[in-house]
Amino acid sequence: MKYLKLLLLMLLSTTSLAESSRVSMPVDHMEASASSVEKRVRAAAVRVTVPFSGGHGSGSYIKYKDAYLVITAQHVVSGALGTKYLTSHKEESHIGVLIYSDPENDIGILYIANPFRQIEPMKYNPVESVADVGTEIFYSGYPSHHKLMSFAGRVAGYEPNGTSRPGKHIILQTYGWFGCSGSVIYNTKGQQIGVLYGVDVEYYPNIQVQENMIWVAPMNLVDMRKALNPLCRGFRSIGKKLKACR
């Protein structure tokens, strides 16, 4: 907690060292018929870079009340609470501090003290229940060595659990690859469905990745008030207040 407090003090008192001094406006040549939600989801997609290793995942830049966050997969941000990660969109980058880590469901949340200047966050608006089969979805992420890419698909089913009820996690029919982990999945209303964390595999005769069967942790597994507790305790200890903590 002391470490997180020190990080908050440092981030609140100075401009992010990673922030570009000269930022160009994002340029996307999307089909004119693309919905405004698709465009906003793409514009809010960020690359999350792992310290030292240089590996990366994806995430979505989201505003919860007055808190600016990046939601991603826990295995992308698997360090201790307080660990710093570089979040980037186009030529603009900011430091995010890990404030929530759920390895069981593979969801992590970063706090962005210095908000992005050239992109707008998505409003935090998760679906209340697990998305129905057939729900149209889309997301944007950074697969492998590629730049930002956007994908569409549908909810195909749920993880098998040996009962007639749906499993806890969702299976999509869309495209996914290494580097897409952490991408937030949206429905056509701009609501968060969940966080992409894996692709399916077959084990015979050899391991074969099924890049069109994607596993997603539902967003309703996150209790945002509980998730923000470490951040809120840190703010209270330095005399700061966030509406997100009320």
Protein backbone atom coordinates (compact mmCIF):
# COMPACT_ATOMS: atom_id res chain seq x y z
CA MET A 1 0.00 0.00 0.00
CA LYS A 2 2.90 2.39 0.77
CA TYR A 3 4.30 1.63 -2.69
CA LEU A 4 0.95 2.38 -4.33
CA LYS A 5 0.68 5.62 -2.34
CA LEU A 6 4.11 6.74 -3.54
CA LEU A 7 3.18 5.93 -7.14
CA LEU A 8 -0.02 7.95 -6.86
CA LEU A 9 1.90 10.92 -5.48
CA MET A 10 4.43 10.72 -8.29
CA LEU A 11 1.81 10.36 -11.02
CA LEU A 12 -0.40 13.13 -9.69
CA SER A 13 2.40 15.64 -9.25
CA THR A 14 4.13 15.27 -12.61
CA THR A 15 3.23 14.76 -16.23
CA SER A 16 3.77 11.18 -17.39
CA LEU A 17 7.32 10.69 -18.61
CA ALA A 18 5.97 8.45 -21.33
CA GLU A 19 3.64 11.08 -22.73
CA SER A 20 4.69 12.31 -26.14
CA SER A 21 5.42 16.03 -26.28
CA ARG A 22 4.07 16.25 -29.81
CA VAL A 23 1.06 14.06 -30.43
CA SER A 24 -0.56 13.73 -33.84
CA MET A 25 -4.27 13.11 -34.16
CA PRO A 26 -5.21 9.44 -34.66
CA VAL A 27 -6.05 8.65 -38.26
CA ASP A 28 -8.30 5.73 -39.11
CA HIS A 29 -9.75 5.04 -42.52
CA MET A 30 -12.84 3.11 -41.51
CA GLU A 31 -15.69 2.28 -43.83
CA ALA A 32 -18.23 5.10 -43.83
CA SER A 33 -20.97 2.65 -42.90
CA ALA A 34 -19.19 1.62 -39.67
CA SER A 35 -21.26 2.54 -36.63
CA SER A 36 -20.27 5.32 -34.28
CA VAL A 37 -19.86 2.71 -31.53
CA GLU A 38 -17.37 0.72 -33.61
CA LYS A 39 -15.38 3.89 -34.27
CA ARG A 40 -15.34 4.83 -30.60
CA VAL A 41 -14.31 1.32 -29.53
CA ARG A 42 -11.43 1.39 -31.99
CA ALA A 43 -10.35 4.85 -30.86
CA ALA A 44 -10.29 3.71 -27.22
CA ALA A 45 -8.18 0.57 -27.83
CA VAL A 46 -4.69 0.73 -26.31
CA ARG A 47 -1.58 -1.40 -26.42
CA VAL A 48 -0.38 -2.49 -22.97
CA THR A 49 3.38 -3.07 -22.83
CA VAL A 50 4.93 -5.30 -20.17
CA PRO A 51 7.95 -3.80 -18.35
CA PHE A 52 11.39 -5.19 -19.21
CA SER A 53 10.15 -8.06 -21.40
CA GLY A 54 8.73 -5.77 -24.08
CA GLY A 55 5.82 -8.13 -24.61
CA HIS A 56 2.38 -6.64 -25.06
CA GLY A 57 -1.33 -7.19 -24.79
CA SER A 58 -4.36 -5.04 -25.50
CA GLY A 59 -6.85 -3.09 -23.42
CA SER A 60 -9.66 -0.56 -23.54
CA TYR A 61 -9.47 3.00 -22.22
CA ILE A 62 -12.54 3.48 -20.03
CA LYS A 63 -13.92 6.21 -17.77
CA TYR A 64 -15.69 5.22 -14.56
CA LYS A 65 -17.17 8.40 -13.03
CA ASP A 66 -14.03 10.58 -12.75
CA ALA A 67 -11.49 7.73 -12.84
CA TYR A 68 -9.63 6.95 -16.07
CA LEU A 69 -8.85 3.25 -16.38
CA VAL A 70 -7.52 0.64 -18.77
CA ILE A 71 -9.22 -2.75 -18.50
CA THR A 72 -7.15 -5.67 -19.77
CA ALA A 73 -6.33 -9.32 -19.01
CA GLN A 74 -4.62 -10.21 -15.74
CA HIS A 75 -2.00 -12.36 -17.47
CA VAL A 76 -0.94 -9.26 -19.44
CA VAL A 77 -0.51 -7.24 -16.22
CA SER A 78 0.53 -10.05 -13.89
CA GLY A 79 2.81 -8.02 -11.61
CA ALA A 80 2.11 -6.96 -8.05
CA LEU A 81 -0.38 -4.18 -7.32
CA GLY A 82 1.39 -0.89 -7.95
CA THR A 83 3.38 -2.17 -10.94
CA LYS A 84 3.56 0.36 -13.78
CA TYR A 85 2.72 -0.47 -17.42
CA LEU A 86 2.97 1.61 -20.58
CA THR A 87 -0.37 2.15 -22.33
CA SER A 88 -0.30 3.54 -25.87
CA HIS A 89 -2.58 4.57 -28.72
CA LYS A 90 -0.91 5.75 -31.91
CA GLU A 91 1.82 8.18 -30.83
CA GLU A 92 0.46 8.98 -27.38
CA SER A 93 1.52 6.98 -24.32
CA HIS A 94 0.78 7.12 -20.61
CA ILE A 95 1.77 5.15 -17.55
CA GLY A 96 -0.89 2.96 -15.94
CA VAL A 97 -0.63 1.64 -12.36
CA LEU A 98 -2.06 -1.80 -11.60
CA ILE A 99 -4.84 -1.41 -9.02
CA TYR A 100 -6.86 -4.62 -9.54
CA SER A 101 -5.78 -8.15 -10.32
CA ASP A 102 -8.08 -11.18 -10.64
CA PRO A 103 -6.02 -14.19 -11.80
CA GLU A 104 -8.96 -16.60 -11.44
CA ASN A 105 -11.01 -14.76 -14.07
CA ASP A 106 -8.02 -13.18 -15.85
CA ILE A 107 -9.05 -9.53 -15.51
CA GLY A 108 -6.76 -6.64 -14.57
CA ILE A 109 -7.34 -2.88 -14.23
CA LEU A 110 -4.83 -0.05 -14.57
CA TYR A 111 -5.33 3.49 -13.27
CA ILE A 112 -4.30 6.31 -15.62
CA ALA A 113 -3.44 9.40 -13.58
CA ASN A 114 -2.76 11.63 -16.61
CA PRO A 115 -5.63 11.08 -19.08
CA PHE A 116 -5.03 10.70 -22.80
CA ARG A 117 -5.38 13.98 -24.68
CA GLN A 118 -6.12 12.75 -28.19
CA ILE A 119 -8.54 9.89 -27.60
CA GLU A 120 -11.82 9.63 -25.71
CA PRO A 121 -12.54 6.87 -23.21
CA MET A 122 -15.51 4.56 -23.46
CA LYS A 123 -18.05 4.99 -20.67
CA TYR A 124 -18.02 2.12 -18.19
CA ASN A 125 -21.34 0.45 -18.98
CA PRO A 126 -21.11 -3.34 -18.58
CA VAL A 127 -23.95 -5.70 -19.45
CA GLU A 128 -25.67 -6.91 -16.29
CA SER A 129 -25.67 -10.59 -17.21
CA VAL A 130 -23.73 -12.98 -19.42
CA ALA A 131 -24.34 -12.09 -23.09
CA ASP A 132 -26.80 -14.31 -24.96
CA VAL A 133 -25.74 -16.66 -27.74
CA GLY A 134 -25.99 -14.85 -31.06
CA THR A 135 -25.14 -11.41 -29.61
CA GLU A 136 -23.19 -9.41 -32.17
CA ILE A 137 -19.83 -8.24 -30.82
CA PHE A 138 -16.78 -6.34 -31.92
CA TYR A 139 -13.45 -5.31 -30.49
CA SER A 140 -10.16 -3.71 -31.44
CA GLY A 141 -6.71 -4.92 -30.40
CA TYR A 142 -3.09 -5.46 -31.34
CA PRO A 143 -2.51 -9.07 -32.49
CA SER A 144 1.10 -10.23 -32.73
CA HIS A 145 3.32 -7.64 -34.47
CA HIS A 146 0.40 -5.91 -36.19
CA LYS A 147 -0.81 -2.39 -35.56
CA LEU A 148 -4.35 -1.70 -34.37
CA MET A 149 -6.93 -4.02 -35.94
CA SER A 150 -10.72 -4.34 -35.53
CA PHE A 151 -12.81 -7.52 -35.51
CA ALA A 152 -16.46 -8.51 -35.44
CA GLY A 153 -18.24 -11.73 -34.48
CA ARG A 154 -20.91 -13.33 -32.32
CA VAL A 155 -21.32 -15.04 -28.98
CA ALA A 156 -21.13 -18.73 -29.90
CA GLY A 157 -21.61 -20.43 -26.54
CA TYR A 158 -20.18 -20.91 -23.08
CA GLU A 159 -17.48 -22.98 -21.44
CA PRO A 160 -18.58 -26.59 -20.80
CA ASN A 161 -19.23 -27.31 -17.13
CA GLY A 162 -21.07 -30.63 -17.16
CA THR A 163 -24.50 -29.14 -16.46
CA SER A 164 -27.37 -27.71 -18.46
CA ARG A 165 -26.46 -24.20 -17.32
CA PRO A 166 -23.99 -21.97 -19.20
CA GLY A 167 -20.42 -22.03 -17.99
CA LYS A 168 -18.96 -18.99 -16.29
CA HIS A 169 -16.98 -17.81 -19.32
CA ILE A 170 -18.05 -16.97 -22.87
CA ILE A 171 -16.85 -18.43 -26.16
CA LEU A 172 -16.94 -16.16 -29.22
CA GLN A 173 -16.84 -16.91 -32.91
CA THR A 174 -14.39 -14.26 -34.16
CA TYR A 175 -10.66 -13.88 -34.69
CA GLY A 176 -8.04 -13.68 -31.94
CA TRP A 177 -4.29 -14.10 -31.67
CA PHE A 178 -1.44 -13.49 -29.27
CA GLY A 179 -1.36 -9.79 -28.42
CA CYS A 180 -5.16 -9.52 -28.50
CA SER A 181 -5.32 -10.68 -24.88
CA GLY A 182 -6.92 -8.00 -22.75
CA SER A 183 -9.12 -6.58 -25.51
CA VAL A 184 -12.52 -5.58 -24.16
CA ILE A 185 -15.45 -7.05 -26.07
CA TYR A 186 -18.38 -4.73 -26.81
CA ASN A 187 -21.92 -5.21 -28.07
CA THR A 188 -23.54 -2.94 -30.65
CA LYS A 189 -24.79 -0.61 -27.90
CA GLY A 190 -21.25 0.07 -26.68
CA GLN A 191 -21.66 -2.01 -23.52
CA GLN A 192 -18.74 -4.05 -22.23
CA ILE A 193 -19.40 -7.78 -22.51
CA GLY A 194 -16.09 -9.06 -21.19
CA VAL A 195 -12.33 -9.36 -21.52
CA LEU A 196 -10.64 -11.55 -24.14
CA TYR A 197 -8.05 -13.82 -22.54
CA GLY A 198 -7.45 -16.87 -24.74
CA VAL A 199 -7.93 -18.86 -27.91
CA ASP A 200 -9.05 -22.49 -28.07
CA VAL A 201 -6.73 -25.36 -28.97
CA GLU A 202 -7.04 -28.92 -30.21
CA TYR A 203 -4.54 -31.49 -28.96
CA TYR A 204 -4.60 -34.13 -31.70
CA PRO A 205 -2.49 -35.14 -33.47
CA ASN A 206 -0.52 -32.06 -32.44
CA ILE A 207 -1.49 -28.87 -30.65
CA GLN A 208 -3.39 -26.67 -33.07
CA VAL A 209 -4.58 -23.17 -32.18
CA GLN A 210 -8.18 -22.47 -33.17
CA GLU A 211 -7.91 -18.74 -33.82
CA ASN A 212 -11.67 -18.33 -34.40
CA MET A 213 -12.77 -19.73 -31.01
CA ILE A 214 -12.09 -17.04 -28.44
CA TRP A 215 -12.51 -17.21 -24.66
CA VAL A 216 -13.85 -14.22 -22.74
CA ALA A 217 -14.33 -13.48 -19.04
CA PRO A 218 -17.71 -11.72 -18.56
CA MET A 219 -17.48 -8.14 -17.35
CA ASN A 220 -20.13 -8.71 -14.68
CA LEU A 221 -17.49 -10.68 -12.74
CA VAL A 222 -15.94 -7.31 -11.81
CA ASP A 223 -17.23 -5.44 -8.77
CA MET A 224 -15.90 -1.99 -9.67
CA ARG A 225 -16.25 -0.55 -6.19
CA LYS A 226 -14.23 -3.43 -4.78
CA ALA A 227 -11.76 -3.19 -7.65
CA LEU A 228 -11.09 0.47 -6.85
CA ASN A 229 -10.53 -0.09 -3.12
CA PRO A 230 -6.69 -0.03 -3.27
CA LEU A 231 -6.79 3.15 -5.34
CA CYS A 232 -9.33 4.83 -3.06
CA ARG A 233 -7.38 3.97 0.08
CA GLY A 234 -4.28 5.47 -1.51
CA PHE A 235 -6.12 8.67 -2.42
CA ARG A 236 -7.60 9.04 1.06
CA SER A 237 -4.15 8.67 2.61
CA ILE A 238 -2.85 11.64 0.60
CA GLY A 239 -5.94 13.79 1.09
CA LYS A 240 -7.36 13.43 -2.41
CA LYS A 241 -10.94 12.55 -3.32
CA LEU A 242 -12.41 10.81 -6.34
CA LYS A 243 -16.10 10.62 -7.16
CA ALA A 244 -15.39 7.03 -8.22
CA CYS A 245 -14.60 6.26 -4.58
CA ARG A 246 -17.92 7.45 -3.18
